[in-house]
Amino acid sequence: HVDLGSVQTIGRIDVFNRTDCCGSALTNFYVFVSDVPFTSTDVTATQNQAGVFTYQHSGQGGSPTPVTVNRTGRYIRVQLPGSERLSLAEVQVWP
């Protein structure tokens, strides 16, 4: 989860999987973007929160996995459903 500090125009988010180990720990993940804080840590509740952009990636993430957003946002979260361990290398946010 990251707070950009103010609402920004976001064109794309690149999510980079680890290449040294643990690549399977970034599988079937979500990327959420919102102008306002997320009200829950639950995936379904976050998907249903008004004004939240949701992207779901099926399968293992790449290096990078590009996510086209084309909207504003201040808060960004990369999340797995359930309680599995999330491991990733980097997240880049592009205008």
PDB file of N, CA and C in Angstrom:
ATOM      1  N   HIS A   1       0.855  -1.160   0.000  1.00  0.00           N
ATOM      2  CA  HIS A   1       0.000   0.000   0.000  1.00  0.00           C
ATOM      3  C   HIS A   1       0.908   1.231   0.000  1.00  0.00           C
ATOM      4  N   VAL A   2       0.573   2.214  -0.839  1.00  0.00           N
ATOM      5  CA  VAL A   2       1.359   3.444  -0.885  1.00  0.00           C
ATOM      6  C   VAL A   2       0.419   4.639  -0.968  1.00  0.00           C
ATOM      7  N   ASP A   3       0.833   5.724  -0.326  1.00  0.00           N
ATOM      8  CA  ASP A   3       0.136   7.001  -0.396  1.00  0.00           C
ATOM      9  C   ASP A   3       1.044   7.940  -1.179  1.00  0.00           C
ATOM     10  N   LEU A   4       0.598   8.405  -2.336  1.00  0.00           N
ATOM     11  CA  LEU A   4       1.402   9.295  -3.170  1.00  0.00           C
ATOM     12  C   LEU A   4       1.473  10.714  -2.610  1.00  0.00           C
ATOM     13  N   GLY A   5       0.715  11.002  -1.561  1.00  0.00           N
ATOM     14  CA  GLY A   5       0.761  12.307  -0.923  1.00  0.00           C
ATOM     15  C   GLY A   5      -0.279  13.288  -1.430  1.00  0.00           C
ATOM     16  N   SER A   6      -0.714  13.116  -2.659  1.00  0.00           N
ATOM     17  CA  SER A   6      -1.775  13.929  -3.249  1.00  0.00           C
ATOM     18  C   SER A   6      -2.337  13.169  -4.444  1.00  0.00           C
ATOM     19  N   VAL A   7      -3.499  13.581  -4.897  1.00  0.00           N
ATOM     20  CA  VAL A   7      -4.109  12.945  -6.060  1.00  0.00           C
ATOM     21  C   VAL A   7      -3.265  13.274  -7.288  1.00  0.00           C
ATOM     22  N   GLN A   8      -2.877  12.251  -8.004  1.00  0.00           N
ATOM     23  CA  GLN A   8      -2.033  12.368  -9.195  1.00  0.00           C
ATOM     24  C   GLN A   8      -2.732  11.732 -10.388  1.00  0.00           C
ATOM     25  N   THR A   9      -2.371  12.147 -11.595  1.00  0.00           N
ATOM     26  CA  THR A   9      -2.807  11.457 -12.795  1.00  0.00           C
ATOM     27  C   THR A   9      -1.929  10.226 -12.971  1.00  0.00           C
ATOM     28  N   ILE A  10      -2.552   9.073 -13.105  1.00  0.00           N
ATOM     29  CA  ILE A  10      -1.823   7.811 -13.243  1.00  0.00           C
ATOM     30  C   ILE A  10      -2.182   7.189 -14.584  1.00  0.00           C
ATOM     31  N   GLY A  11      -1.190   7.037 -15.417  1.00  0.00           N
ATOM     32  CA  GLY A  11      -1.401   6.391 -16.709  1.00  0.00           C
ATOM     33  C   GLY A  11      -1.209   4.892 -16.634  1.00  0.00           C
ATOM     34  N   ARG A  12      -0.130   4.496 -15.930  1.00  0.00           N
ATOM     35  CA  ARG A  12       0.221   3.073 -15.873  1.00  0.00           C
ATOM     36  C   ARG A  12       0.948   2.793 -14.558  1.00  0.00           C
ATOM     37  N   ILE A  13       0.769   1.580 -14.086  1.00  0.00           N
ATOM     38  CA  ILE A  13       1.517   1.075 -12.942  1.00  0.00           C
ATOM     39  C   ILE A  13       2.227  -0.190 -13.397  1.00  0.00           C
ATOM     40  N   ASP A  14       3.532  -0.260 -13.154  1.00  0.00           N
ATOM     41  CA  ASP A  14       4.305  -1.465 -13.450  1.00  0.00           C
ATOM     42  C   ASP A  14       4.601  -2.183 -12.140  1.00  0.00           C
ATOM     43  N   VAL A  15       4.186  -3.435 -12.057  1.00  0.00           N
ATOM     44  CA  VAL A  15       4.440  -4.267 -10.886  1.00  0.00           C
ATOM     45  C   VAL A  15       5.504  -5.286 -11.287  1.00  0.00           C
ATOM     46  N   PHE A  16       6.625  -5.267 -10.587  1.00  0.00           N
ATOM     47  CA  PHE A  16       7.745  -6.149 -10.901  1.00  0.00           C
ATOM     48  C   PHE A  16       7.796  -7.315  -9.929  1.00  0.00           C
ATOM     49  N   ASN A  17       7.802  -8.507 -10.490  1.00  0.00           N
ATOM     50  CA  ASN A  17       7.958  -9.703  -9.684  1.00  0.00           C
ATOM     51  C   ASN A  17       9.436  -9.893  -9.343  1.00  0.00           C
ATOM     52  N   ARG A  18       9.708 -10.606  -8.286  1.00  0.00           N
ATOM     53  CA  ARG A  18      11.091 -10.930  -7.927  1.00  0.00           C
ATOM     54  C   ARG A  18      11.673 -11.893  -8.948  1.00  0.00           C
ATOM     55  N   THR A  19      12.963 -11.768  -9.219  1.00  0.00           N
ATOM     56  CA  THR A  19      13.643 -12.681 -10.132  1.00  0.00           C
ATOM     57  C   THR A  19      14.673 -13.531  -9.398  1.00  0.00           C
ATOM     58  N   ASP A  20      14.926 -13.229  -8.117  1.00  0.00           N
ATOM     59  CA  ASP A  20      15.917 -13.988  -7.357  1.00  0.00           C
ATOM     60  C   ASP A  20      15.318 -15.233  -6.704  1.00  0.00           C
ATOM     61  N   CYS A  21      14.061 -15.148  -6.319  1.00  0.00           N
ATOM     62  CA  CYS A  21      13.346 -16.268  -5.702  1.00  0.00           C
ATOM     63  C   CYS A  21      11.883 -15.886  -5.565  1.00  0.00           C
ATOM     64  N   CYS A  22      11.094 -16.799  -5.074  1.00  0.00           N
ATOM     65  CA  CYS A  22       9.742 -16.502  -4.596  1.00  0.00           C
ATOM     66  C   CYS A  22       8.797 -15.938  -5.660  1.00  0.00           C
ATOM     67  N   GLY A  23       9.062 -16.155  -6.933  1.00  0.00           N
ATOM     68  CA  GLY A  23       8.227 -15.602  -7.995  1.00  0.00           C
ATOM     69  C   GLY A  23       6.765 -15.988  -7.883  1.00  0.00           C
ATOM     70  N   SER A  24       6.510 -17.168  -7.322  1.00  0.00           N
ATOM     71  CA  SER A  24       5.119 -17.618  -7.196  1.00  0.00           C
ATOM     72  C   SER A  24       4.357 -16.847  -6.118  1.00  0.00           C
ATOM     73  N   ALA A  25       5.055 -16.043  -5.318  1.00  0.00           N
ATOM     74  CA  ALA A  25       4.394 -15.263  -4.270  1.00  0.00           C
ATOM     75  C   ALA A  25       3.735 -13.996  -4.829  1.00  0.00           C
ATOM     76  N   LEU A  26       3.806 -13.825  -6.156  1.00  0.00           N
ATOM     77  CA  LEU A  26       3.070 -12.737  -6.824  1.00  0.00           C
ATOM     78  C   LEU A  26       2.226 -13.385  -7.928  1.00  0.00           C
ATOM     79  N   THR A  27       1.213 -14.105  -7.504  1.00  0.00           N
ATOM     80  CA  THR A  27       0.337 -14.840  -8.410  1.00  0.00           C
ATOM     81  C   THR A  27      -1.108 -14.499  -8.089  1.00  0.00           C
ATOM     82  N   ASN A  28      -1.892 -14.260  -9.142  1.00  0.00           N
ATOM     83  CA  ASN A  28      -3.321 -13.954  -8.989  1.00  0.00           C
ATOM     84  C   ASN A  28      -3.532 -12.783  -8.033  1.00  0.00           C
ATOM     85  N   PHE A  29      -2.948 -11.660  -8.374  1.00  0.00           N
ATOM     86  CA  PHE A  29      -2.976 -10.495  -7.489  1.00  0.00           C
ATOM     87  C   PHE A  29      -3.884  -9.401  -8.028  1.00  0.00           C
ATOM     88  N   TYR A  30      -4.183  -8.449  -7.147  1.00  0.00           N
ATOM     89  CA  TYR A  30      -5.002  -7.288  -7.472  1.00  0.00           C
ATOM     90  C   TYR A  30      -4.173  -6.024  -7.333  1.00  0.00           C
ATOM     91  N   VAL A  31      -4.496  -5.027  -8.146  1.00  0.00           N
ATOM     92  CA  VAL A  31      -3.984  -3.673  -7.979  1.00  0.00           C
ATOM     93  C   VAL A  31      -5.205  -2.777  -7.811  1.00  0.00           C
ATOM     94  N   PHE A  32      -5.221  -2.020  -6.724  1.00  0.00           N
ATOM     95  CA  PHE A  32      -6.312  -1.096  -6.444  1.00  0.00           C
ATOM     96  C   PHE A  32      -5.767   0.328  -6.458  1.00  0.00           C
ATOM     97  N   VAL A  33      -6.562   1.263  -7.013  1.00  0.00           N
ATOM     98  CA  VAL A  33      -6.193   2.682  -7.051  1.00  0.00           C
ATOM     99  C   VAL A  33      -7.412   3.485  -6.617  1.00  0.00           C
ATOM    100  N   SER A  34      -7.177   4.474  -5.744  1.00  0.00           N
ATOM    101  CA  SER A  34      -8.278   5.294  -5.243  1.00  0.00           C
ATOM    102  C   SER A  34      -7.792   6.705  -4.937  1.00  0.00           C
ATOM    103  N   ASP A  35      -8.686   7.675  -5.097  1.00  0.00           N
ATOM    104  CA  ASP A  35      -8.395   9.059  -4.707  1.00  0.00           C
ATOM    105  C   ASP A  35      -8.516   9.245  -3.194  1.00  0.00           C
ATOM    106  N   VAL A  36      -9.278   8.376  -2.543  1.00  0.00           N
ATOM    107  CA  VAL A  36      -9.511   8.470  -1.094  1.00  0.00           C
ATOM    108  C   VAL A  36      -8.996   7.193  -0.426  1.00  0.00           C
ATOM    109  N   PRO A  37      -8.738   7.227   0.872  1.00  0.00           N
ATOM    110  CA  PRO A  37      -8.206   6.035   1.546  1.00  0.00           C
ATOM    111  C   PRO A  37      -9.122   4.821   1.394  1.00  0.00           C
ATOM    112  N   PHE A  38      -8.507   3.655   1.352  1.00  0.00           N
ATOM    113  CA  PHE A  38      -9.269   2.415   1.325  1.00  0.00           C
ATOM    114  C   PHE A  38      -9.917   2.216   2.688  1.00  0.00           C
ATOM    115  N   THR A  39     -11.146   1.723   2.686  1.00  0.00           N
ATOM    116  CA  THR A  39     -11.881   1.568   3.936  1.00  0.00           C
ATOM    117  C   THR A  39     -11.780   0.162   4.511  1.00  0.00           C
ATOM    118  N   SER A  40     -11.171  -0.758   3.773  1.00  0.00           N
ATOM    119  CA  SER A  40     -11.075  -2.141   4.223  1.00  0.00           C
ATOM    120  C   SER A  40      -9.812  -2.781   3.666  1.00  0.00           C
ATOM    121  N   THR A  41      -9.366  -3.853   4.303  1.00  0.00           N
ATOM    122  CA  THR A  41      -8.270  -4.654   3.758  1.00  0.00           C
ATOM    123  C   THR A  41      -8.806  -5.901   3.061  1.00  0.00           C
ATOM    124  N   ASP A  42     -10.108  -6.095   3.078  1.00  0.00           N
ATOM    125  CA  ASP A  42     -10.753  -7.221   2.422  1.00  0.00           C
ATOM    126  C   ASP A  42     -10.857  -6.951   0.924  1.00  0.00           C
ATOM    127  N   VAL A  43     -10.442  -7.917   0.094  1.00  0.00           N
ATOM    128  CA  VAL A  43     -10.434  -7.735  -1.357  1.00  0.00           C
ATOM    129  C   VAL A  43     -11.827  -7.402  -1.883  1.00  0.00           C
ATOM    130  N   THR A  44     -12.832  -8.163  -1.502  1.00  0.00           N
ATOM    131  CA  THR A  44     -14.189  -7.935  -2.009  1.00  0.00           C
ATOM    132  C   THR A  44     -14.721  -6.574  -1.586  1.00  0.00           C
ATOM    133  N   ALA A  45     -14.501  -6.209  -0.340  1.00  0.00           N
ATOM    134  CA  ALA A  45     -14.964  -4.905   0.139  1.00  0.00           C
ATOM    135  C   ALA A  45     -14.253  -3.771  -0.600  1.00  0.00           C
ATOM    136  N   THR A  46     -12.961  -3.937  -0.867  1.00  0.00           N
ATOM    137  CA  THR A  46     -12.216  -2.907  -1.594  1.00  0.00           C
ATOM    138  C   THR A  46     -12.712  -2.800  -3.024  1.00  0.00           C
ATOM    139  N   GLN A  47     -12.982  -3.929  -3.673  1.00  0.00           N
ATOM    140  CA  GLN A  47     -13.535  -3.918  -5.036  1.00  0.00           C
ATOM    141  C   GLN A  47     -14.865  -3.177  -5.075  1.00  0.00           C
ATOM    142  N   ASN A  48     -15.655  -3.302  -4.033  1.00  0.00           N
ATOM    143  CA  ASN A  48     -16.984  -2.702  -3.993  1.00  0.00           C
ATOM    144  C   ASN A  48     -16.990  -1.274  -3.459  1.00  0.00           C
ATOM    145  N   GLN A  49     -15.843  -0.775  -3.001  1.00  0.00           N
ATOM    146  CA  GLN A  49     -15.772   0.604  -2.507  1.00  0.00           C
ATOM    147  C   GLN A  49     -15.938   1.570  -3.673  1.00  0.00           C
ATOM    148  N   ALA A  50     -16.805   2.531  -3.512  1.00  0.00           N
ATOM    149  CA  ALA A  50     -17.063   3.512  -4.572  1.00  0.00           C
ATOM    150  C   ALA A  50     -15.767   4.239  -4.950  1.00  0.00           C
ATOM    151  N   GLY A  51     -15.547   4.386  -6.252  1.00  0.00           N
ATOM    152  CA  GLY A  51     -14.414   5.155  -6.752  1.00  0.00           C
ATOM    153  C   GLY A  51     -13.100   4.405  -6.809  1.00  0.00           C
ATOM    154  N   VAL A  52     -13.100   3.100  -6.524  1.00  0.00           N
ATOM    155  CA  VAL A  52     -11.865   2.321  -6.549  1.00  0.00           C
ATOM    156  C   VAL A  52     -11.708   1.647  -7.908  1.00  0.00           C
ATOM    157  N   PHE A  53     -10.548   1.870  -8.537  1.00  0.00           N
ATOM    158  CA  PHE A  53     -10.163   1.164  -9.762  1.00  0.00           C
ATOM    159  C   PHE A  53      -9.590  -0.179  -9.340  1.00  0.00           C
ATOM    160  N   THR A  54     -10.048  -1.258  -9.984  1.00  0.00           N
ATOM    161  CA  THR A  54      -9.582  -2.601  -9.666  1.00  0.00           C
ATOM    162  C   THR A  54      -9.013  -3.257 -10.907  1.00  0.00           C
ATOM    163  N   TYR A  55      -7.823  -3.824 -10.779  1.00  0.00           N
ATOM    164  CA  TYR A  55      -7.214  -4.634 -11.823  1.00  0.00           C
ATOM    165  C   TYR A  55      -6.863  -5.974 -11.207  1.00  0.00           C
ATOM    166  N   GLN A  56      -7.261  -7.061 -11.867  1.00  0.00           N
ATOM    167  CA  GLN A  56      -6.928  -8.401 -11.392  1.00  0.00           C
ATOM    168  C   GLN A  56      -6.006  -9.070 -12.399  1.00  0.00           C
ATOM    169  N   HIS A  57      -4.875  -9.573 -11.934  1.00  0.00           N
ATOM    170  CA  HIS A  57      -3.937 -10.302 -12.791  1.00  0.00           C
ATOM    171  C   HIS A  57      -4.031 -11.781 -12.459  1.00  0.00           C
ATOM    172  N   SER A  58      -4.381 -12.582 -13.448  1.00  0.00           N
ATOM    173  CA  SER A  58      -4.429 -14.031 -13.270  1.00  0.00           C
ATOM    174  C   SER A  58      -3.075 -14.617 -13.652  1.00  0.00           C
ATOM    175  N   GLY A  59      -2.606 -15.552 -12.881  1.00  0.00           N
ATOM    176  CA  GLY A  59      -1.309 -16.166 -13.135  1.00  0.00           C
ATOM    177  C   GLY A  59      -0.207 -15.417 -12.415  1.00  0.00           C
ATOM    178  N   GLN A  60       1.010 -15.853 -12.699  1.00  0.00           N
ATOM    179  CA  GLN A  60       2.183 -15.272 -12.030  1.00  0.00           C
ATOM    180  C   GLN A  60       2.551 -13.944 -12.667  1.00  0.00           C
ATOM    181  N   GLY A  61       2.926 -12.974 -11.836  1.00  0.00           N
ATOM    182  CA  GLY A  61       3.331 -11.656 -12.317  1.00  0.00           C
ATOM    183  C   GLY A  61       4.657 -11.715 -13.048  1.00  0.00           C
ATOM    184  N   GLY A  62       4.861 -10.762 -13.930  1.00  0.00           N
ATOM    185  CA  GLY A  62       6.094 -10.682 -14.699  1.00  0.00           C
ATOM    186  C   GLY A  62       7.002  -9.593 -14.150  1.00  0.00           C
ATOM    187  N   SER A  63       8.004  -9.271 -14.932  1.00  0.00           N
ATOM    188  CA  SER A  63       8.945  -8.213 -14.549  1.00  0.00           C
ATOM    189  C   SER A  63       9.157  -7.271 -15.719  1.00  0.00           C
ATOM    190  N   PRO A  64       8.240  -6.375 -15.992  1.00  0.00           N
ATOM    191  CA  PRO A  64       7.092  -6.033 -15.156  1.00  0.00           C
ATOM    192  C   PRO A  64       5.791  -6.652 -15.655  1.00  0.00           C
ATOM    193  N   THR A  65       4.759  -6.462 -14.845  1.00  0.00           N
ATOM    194  CA  THR A  65       3.377  -6.643 -15.259  1.00  0.00           C
ATOM    195  C   THR A  65       2.800  -5.234 -15.373  1.00  0.00           C
ATOM    196  N   PRO A  66       2.576  -4.737 -16.603  1.00  0.00           N
ATOM    197  CA  PRO A  66       2.030  -3.383 -16.755  1.00  0.00           C
ATOM    198  C   PRO A  66       0.524  -3.372 -16.529  1.00  0.00           C
ATOM    199  N   VAL A  67       0.063  -2.355 -15.809  1.00  0.00           N
ATOM    200  CA  VAL A  67      -1.362  -2.181 -15.527  1.00  0.00           C
ATOM    201  C   VAL A  67      -1.755  -0.797 -16.034  1.00  0.00           C
ATOM    202  N   THR A  68      -2.591  -0.749 -17.067  1.00  0.00           N
ATOM    203  CA  THR A  68      -3.068   0.522 -17.599  1.00  0.00           C
ATOM    204  C   THR A  68      -4.166   1.049 -16.686  1.00  0.00           C
ATOM    205  N   VAL A  69      -3.983   2.271 -16.179  1.00  0.00           N
ATOM    206  CA  VAL A  69      -4.925   2.843 -15.224  1.00  0.00           C
ATOM    207  C   VAL A  69      -5.711   3.989 -15.864  1.00  0.00           C
ATOM    208  N   ASN A  70      -5.023   4.995 -16.379  1.00  0.00           N
ATOM    209  CA  ASN A  70      -5.648   6.159 -17.035  1.00  0.00           C
ATOM    210  C   ASN A  70      -6.741   6.801 -16.186  1.00  0.00           C
ATOM    211  N   ARG A  71      -6.374   7.166 -14.963  1.00  0.00           N
ATOM    212  CA  ARG A  71      -7.281   7.863 -14.056  1.00  0.00           C
ATOM    213  C   ARG A  71      -6.452   8.523 -12.966  1.00  0.00           C
ATOM    214  N   THR A  72      -7.107   9.241 -12.094  1.00  0.00           N
ATOM    215  CA  THR A  72      -6.395   9.833 -10.969  1.00  0.00           C
ATOM    216  C   THR A  72      -6.353   8.847  -9.812  1.00  0.00           C
ATOM    217  N   GLY A  73      -5.423   9.089  -8.913  1.00  0.00           N
ATOM    218  CA  GLY A  73      -5.337   8.271  -7.714  1.00  0.00           C
ATOM    219  C   GLY A  73      -4.307   8.823  -6.758  1.00  0.00           C
ATOM    220  N   ARG A  74      -4.506   8.542  -5.515  1.00  0.00           N
ATOM    221  CA  ARG A  74      -3.536   8.891  -4.475  1.00  0.00           C
ATOM    222  C   ARG A  74      -3.050   7.641  -3.751  1.00  0.00           C
ATOM    223  N   TYR A  75      -3.945   6.682  -3.579  1.00  0.00           N
ATOM    224  CA  TYR A  75      -3.641   5.473  -2.830  1.00  0.00           C
ATOM    225  C   TYR A  75      -3.581   4.285  -3.781  1.00  0.00           C
ATOM    226  N   ILE A  76      -2.524   3.491  -3.647  1.00  0.00           N
ATOM    227  CA  ILE A  76      -2.322   2.319  -4.501  1.00  0.00           C
ATOM    228  C   ILE A  76      -2.031   1.129  -3.601  1.00  0.00           C
ATOM    229  N   ARG A  77      -2.682   0.019  -3.897  1.00  0.00           N
ATOM    230  CA  ARG A  77      -2.451  -1.199  -3.128  1.00  0.00           C
ATOM    231  C   ARG A  77      -2.283  -2.368  -4.083  1.00  0.00           C
ATOM    232  N   VAL A  78      -1.279  -3.197  -3.830  1.00  0.00           N
ATOM    233  CA  VAL A  78      -1.110  -4.487  -4.496  1.00  0.00           C
ATOM    234  C   VAL A  78      -1.449  -5.524  -3.438  1.00  0.00           C
ATOM    235  N   GLN A  79      -2.363  -6.436  -3.765  1.00  0.00           N
ATOM    236  CA  GLN A  79      -2.878  -7.350  -2.743  1.00  0.00           C
ATOM    237  C   GLN A  79      -3.202  -8.707  -3.334  1.00  0.00           C
ATOM    238  N   LEU A  80      -2.968  -9.738  -2.544  1.00  0.00           N
ATOM    239  CA  LEU A  80      -3.392 -11.090  -2.879  1.00  0.00           C
ATOM    240  C   LEU A  80      -4.712 -11.376  -2.179  1.00  0.00           C
ATOM    241  N   PRO A  81      -5.571 -12.208  -2.781  1.00  0.00           N
ATOM    242  CA  PRO A  81      -6.770 -12.619  -2.060  1.00  0.00           C
ATOM    243  C   PRO A  81      -6.375 -13.604  -0.952  1.00  0.00           C
ATOM    244  N   GLY A  82      -7.132 -13.651   0.092  1.00  0.00           N
ATOM    245  CA  GLY A  82      -6.840 -14.596   1.169  1.00  0.00           C
ATOM    246  C   GLY A  82      -5.675 -14.149   2.025  1.00  0.00           C
ATOM    247  N   SER A  83      -4.960 -15.119   2.567  1.00  0.00           N
ATOM    248  CA  SER A  83      -3.891 -14.799   3.506  1.00  0.00           C
ATOM    249  C   SER A  83      -2.524 -15.284   3.038  1.00  0.00           C
ATOM    250  N   GLU A  84      -2.380 -15.497   1.746  1.00  0.00           N
ATOM    251  CA  GLU A  84      -1.077 -15.911   1.210  1.00  0.00           C
ATOM    252  C   GLU A  84      -0.058 -14.793   1.343  1.00  0.00           C
ATOM    253  N   ARG A  85       1.207 -15.156   1.359  1.00  0.00           N
ATOM    254  CA  ARG A  85       2.308 -14.203   1.470  1.00  0.00           C
ATOM    255  C   ARG A  85       2.526 -13.506   0.128  1.00  0.00           C
ATOM    256  N   LEU A  86       2.569 -12.186   0.157  1.00  0.00           N
ATOM    257  CA  LEU A  86       2.848 -11.370  -1.030  1.00  0.00           C
ATOM    258  C   LEU A  86       4.332 -11.029  -1.046  1.00  0.00           C
ATOM    259  N   SER A  87       4.962 -11.229  -2.189  1.00  0.00           N
ATOM    260  CA  SER A  87       6.363 -10.855  -2.351  1.00  0.00           C
ATOM    261  C   SER A  87       6.523 -10.283  -3.743  1.00  0.00           C
ATOM    262  N   LEU A  88       7.085  -9.082  -3.823  1.00  0.00           N
ATOM    263  CA  LEU A  88       7.332  -8.458  -5.116  1.00  0.00           C
ATOM    264  C   LEU A  88       8.614  -7.652  -5.023  1.00  0.00           C
ATOM    265  N   ALA A  89       9.130  -7.231  -6.171  1.00  0.00           N
ATOM    266  CA  ALA A  89      10.396  -6.497  -6.189  1.00  0.00           C
ATOM    267  C   ALA A  89      10.182  -4.992  -6.168  1.00  0.00           C
ATOM    268  N   GLU A  90       9.240  -4.507  -6.977  1.00  0.00           N
ATOM    269  CA  GLU A  90       9.118  -3.060  -7.153  1.00  0.00           C
ATOM    270  C   GLU A  90       7.766  -2.714  -7.749  1.00  0.00           C
ATOM    271  N   VAL A  91       7.306  -1.501  -7.481  1.00  0.00           N
ATOM    272  CA  VAL A  91       6.110  -0.946  -8.106  1.00  0.00           C
ATOM    273  C   VAL A  91       6.466   0.436  -8.598  1.00  0.00           C
ATOM    274  N   GLN A  92       6.224   0.698  -9.889  1.00  0.00           N
ATOM    275  CA  GLN A  92       6.469   2.023 -10.469  1.00  0.00           C
ATOM    276  C   GLN A  92       5.153   2.609 -10.942  1.00  0.00           C
ATOM    277  N   VAL A  93       4.949   3.882 -10.630  1.00  0.00           N
ATOM    278  CA  VAL A  93       3.717   4.588 -11.005  1.00  0.00           C
ATOM    279  C   VAL A  93       4.096   5.644 -12.026  1.00  0.00           C
ATOM    280  N   TRP A  94       3.417   5.634 -13.177  1.00  0.00           N
ATOM    281  CA  TRP A  94       3.719   6.530 -14.292  1.00  0.00           C
ATOM    282  C   TRP A  94       2.544   7.434 -14.610  1.00  0.00           C
ATOM    283  N   PRO A  95       2.822   8.707 -14.942  1.00  0.00           N
ATOM    284  CA  PRO A  95       1.741   9.630 -15.329  1.00  0.00           C
ATOM    285  C   PRO A  95       1.133   9.232 -16.673  1.00  0.00           C
TER     286      PRO A  95
END
